[in-house]
C-alpha atoms as a PDB file:
ATOM      1  CA  MET A   1     -20.847  18.354  19.696  1.00  0.00           C
ATOM      2  CA  THR A   2     -18.008  18.235  16.845  1.00  0.00           C
ATOM      3  CA  PRO A   3     -15.227  21.120  18.014  1.00  0.00           C
ATOM      4  CA  PHE A   4     -15.204  23.471  15.272  1.00  0.00           C
ATOM      5  CA  ILE A   5     -11.487  25.529  14.958  1.00  0.00           C
ATOM      6  CA  LYS A   6     -11.320  28.877  13.833  1.00  0.00           C
ATOM      7  CA  LYS A   7      -8.549  29.366  10.775  1.00  0.00           C
ATOM      8  CA  LYS A   8      -6.115  31.165  12.303  1.00  0.00           C
ATOM      9  CA  GLU A   9      -6.315  28.461  14.799  1.00  0.00           C
ATOM     10  CA  VAL A  10      -4.924  25.795  12.735  1.00  0.00           C
ATOM     11  CA  LYS A  11      -1.424  24.629  13.621  1.00  0.00           C
ATOM     12  CA  LYS A  12      -0.166  22.815  11.035  1.00  0.00           C
ATOM     13  CA  ASN A  13       3.031  20.260  11.530  1.00  0.00           C
ATOM     14  CA  TRP A  14       5.086  18.232   8.618  1.00  0.00           C
ATOM     15  CA  TYR A  15       5.118  14.267   9.070  1.00  0.00           C
ATOM     16  CA  ILE A  16       8.140  12.834   7.637  1.00  0.00           C
ATOM     17  CA  ILE A  17       7.227   9.172   6.169  1.00  0.00           C
ATOM     18  CA  ASN A  18       9.545   6.416   5.374  1.00  0.00           C
ATOM     19  CA  ALA A  19       8.148   4.823   1.778  1.00  0.00           C
ATOM     20  CA  GLN A  20      10.438   1.848   1.905  1.00  0.00           C
ATOM     21  CA  ASN A  21       8.420  -1.700   2.149  1.00  0.00           C
ATOM     22  CA  VAL A  22       5.249  -0.247   2.088  1.00  0.00           C
ATOM     23  CA  ALA A  23       2.353  -0.969  -0.481  1.00  0.00           C
ATOM     24  CA  VAL A  24       1.393   2.146  -2.700  1.00  0.00           C
ATOM     25  CA  GLY A  25      -1.947   2.282  -1.891  1.00  0.00           C
ATOM     26  CA  ARG A  26      -1.867   2.255   1.518  1.00  0.00           C
ATOM     27  CA  LEU A  27       0.803   5.083   1.839  1.00  0.00           C
ATOM     28  CA  ALA A  28      -1.452   7.352  -0.518  1.00  0.00           C
ATOM     29  CA  ALA A  29      -4.263   6.650   1.818  1.00  0.00           C
ATOM     30  CA  TYR A  30      -2.632   7.486   4.858  1.00  0.00           C
ATOM     31  CA  VAL A  31      -1.227  10.616   3.162  1.00  0.00           C
ATOM     32  CA  SER A  32      -3.926  11.870   1.273  1.00  0.00           C
ATOM     33  CA  LYS A  33      -5.525  11.776   5.149  1.00  0.00           C
ATOM     34  CA  VAL A  34      -3.007  14.487   6.830  1.00  0.00           C
ATOM     35  CA  LEU A  35      -2.648  16.042   3.897  1.00  0.00           C
ATOM     36  CA  ARG A  36      -6.767  17.015   4.561  1.00  0.00           C
ATOM     37  CA  GLY A  37      -6.549  17.186   8.000  1.00  0.00           C
ATOM     38  CA  LYS A  38      -8.401  13.879   8.333  1.00  0.00           C
ATOM     39  CA  ASN A  39      -6.594  12.589  11.185  1.00  0.00           C
ATOM     40  CA  LYS A  40      -7.474  15.320  13.290  1.00  0.00           C
ATOM     41  CA  PRO A  41     -10.276  15.819  15.601  1.00  0.00           C
ATOM     42  CA  THR A  42     -10.635  19.367  14.758  1.00  0.00           C
ATOM     43  CA  PHE A  43     -11.598  17.957  10.456  1.00  0.00           C
ATOM     44  CA  ASN A  44     -13.787  20.524   8.617  1.00  0.00           C
ATOM     45  CA  PRO A  45     -13.925  19.828   5.273  1.00  0.00           C
ATOM     46  CA  HIS A  46     -14.029  23.469   4.564  1.00  0.00           C
ATOM     47  CA  ILE A  47     -11.213  24.950   6.544  1.00  0.00           C
ATOM     48  CA  ASP A  48      -7.908  23.439   5.348  1.00  0.00           C
ATOM     49  CA  ASN A  49      -6.565  21.906   8.484  1.00  0.00           C
ATOM     50  CA  GLY A  50      -4.039  19.303   6.879  1.00  0.00           C
ATOM     51  CA  ASP A  51      -0.704  19.219   7.998  1.00  0.00           C
ATOM     52  CA  PHE A  52       2.791  18.693   5.429  1.00  0.00           C
ATOM     53  CA  VAL A  53       4.134  15.475   4.392  1.00  0.00           C
ATOM     54  CA  GLY A  54       7.964  14.587   3.145  1.00  0.00           C
ATOM     55  CA  THR A  55       8.382  10.931   2.353  1.00  0.00           C
ATOM     56  CA  LEU A  56      11.790   9.324   2.465  1.00  0.00           C
ATOM     57  CA  ASN A  57      12.888   6.470  -0.222  1.00  0.00           C
ATOM     58  CA  GLY A  58       9.864   6.420  -2.605  1.00  0.00           C
ATOM     59  CA  SER A  59      11.899   5.963  -5.304  1.00  0.00           C
ATOM     60  CA  GLY A  60      11.172   2.358  -4.969  1.00  0.00           C
ATOM     61  CA  LEU A  61       7.738   2.865  -5.850  1.00  0.00           C
ATOM     62  CA  ALA A  62       8.299   4.164  -9.028  1.00  0.00           C
ATOM     63  CA  VAL A  63       6.854   0.171 -10.820  1.00  0.00           C
ATOM     64  CA  GLY A  64       6.332   1.558 -14.065  1.00  0.00           C
ATOM     65  CA  ARG A  65       9.714   3.376 -13.965  1.00  0.00           C
ATOM     66  CA  LEU A  66      11.692  -0.002 -12.862  1.00  0.00           C
ATOM     67  CA  MET A  67      10.558  -2.074 -16.059  1.00  0.00           C
ATOM     68  CA  ILE A  68      11.383   0.653 -18.504  1.00  0.00           C
ATOM     69  CA  ALA A  69      15.035   0.981 -17.041  1.00  0.00           C
ATOM     70  CA  LEU A  70      15.333  -2.677 -17.010  1.00  0.00           C
ATOM     71  CA  LEU A  71      14.665  -2.801 -20.664  1.00  0.00           C
ATOM     72  CA  GLU A  72      16.255  -0.074 -21.535  1.00  0.00           C
ATOM     73  CA  ASN A  73      19.629  -1.337 -19.868  1.00  0.00           C
ATOM     74  CA  ASN A  74      19.340  -4.924 -20.688  1.00  0.00           C
ATOM     75  CA  GLN A  75      17.168  -5.753 -24.020  1.00  0.00           C
ATOM     76  CA  ASN A  76      19.186  -7.650 -26.507  1.00  0.00           C
ATOM     77  CA  GLU A  77      19.124  -7.431 -30.284  1.00  0.00           C
ATOM     78  CA  ASP A  78      17.278 -10.328 -30.518  1.00  0.00           C
ATOM     79  CA  GLY A  79      14.361  -9.169 -27.999  1.00  0.00           C
ATOM     80  CA  SER A  80      15.740 -10.901 -24.876  1.00  0.00           C
ATOM     81  CA  ILE A  81      16.298  -9.292 -21.458  1.00  0.00           C
ATOM     82  CA  ASN A  82      19.771 -10.352 -19.088  1.00  0.00           C
ATOM     83  CA  ILE A  83      17.996 -10.337 -16.071  1.00  0.00           C
ATOM     84  CA  PRO A  84      20.737  -8.586 -13.314  1.00  0.00           C
ATOM     85  CA  ASN A  85      22.383 -10.398 -10.567  1.00  0.00           C
ATOM     86  CA  GLU A  86      20.901  -8.613  -8.284  1.00  0.00           C
ATOM     87  CA  LEU A  87      17.531  -9.695  -9.248  1.00  0.00           C
ATOM     88  CA  LYS A  88      17.716 -13.601 -10.243  1.00  0.00           C
ATOM     89  CA  LYS A  89      16.840 -14.509  -7.065  1.00  0.00           C
ATOM     90  CA  TYR A  90      13.703 -13.289  -7.526  1.00  0.00           C
ATOM     91  CA  MET A  91      13.747 -14.575 -10.804  1.00  0.00           C
ATOM     92  CA  ASN A  92      14.871 -18.345  -9.892  1.00  0.00           C
ATOM     93  CA  ASN A  93      17.823 -17.408 -10.904  1.00  0.00           C
ATOM     94  CA  LEU A  94      16.833 -17.022 -14.575  1.00  0.00           C
ATOM     95  CA  GLU A  95      19.765 -15.745 -16.772  1.00  0.00           C
ATOM     96  CA  LYS A  96      17.887 -14.352 -19.461  1.00  0.00           C
ATOM     97  CA  ILE A  97      13.728 -13.606 -20.343  1.00  0.00           C
END
C-alpha cells in the first residue's frame, strides 16, 4: 500500500543544483520532479510535498540571449559578424562570418 502523508508532516528541503555543462531539458525535467515532490516515496498529487530548488551557474543556459549579444556587440556595418577570440577555436579559427 502507498504511504500517505499529511500536510503537516511534509518536510521541505532545499536542493542547490549546479547548472554548468548540463543539458537544459534534463535539468528542467529534474527540477520539475523536485518541485512537485515526485522524487519522494510519499508523493501524492493532491498534496504539495515538493522541495525548494536553487540553481548556480545558470546564465550559460540562455542560448538565445548569447546569439543576440554576439550580434549586438560584434556586427559590422556590412552585416558580417566578428568572431570573439574566445569563440574562434569553436568556429575553425574564422575571423568573421
